[in-house]
């Protein structure tokens, strides 16, 4: 087992998440809803939810809030 908390199965987590997944996580970290994020990015709320579900799955968590927490811990996203 890899002891590095910043790794994801031995791979760089930043490479695992798509730019859109990271972007959606950043907006979630700022308290935005899927509807808000969709409006900002020109996407449907369902598409935003899909990106967030994929990001959570890749990070090994179940919720968008957990995904943000892991993303912050791993240095994938910054909270202002």
Foldseek 3Di string as FASTA:
>chain_A
DDPDLLDQVNHHLLVVQDPLLLVLLQVVLVVDQLPRVCVVVVHHSVVSVVSQCSQCVSLVHGDSVVSNVSCVVNVVYDRD
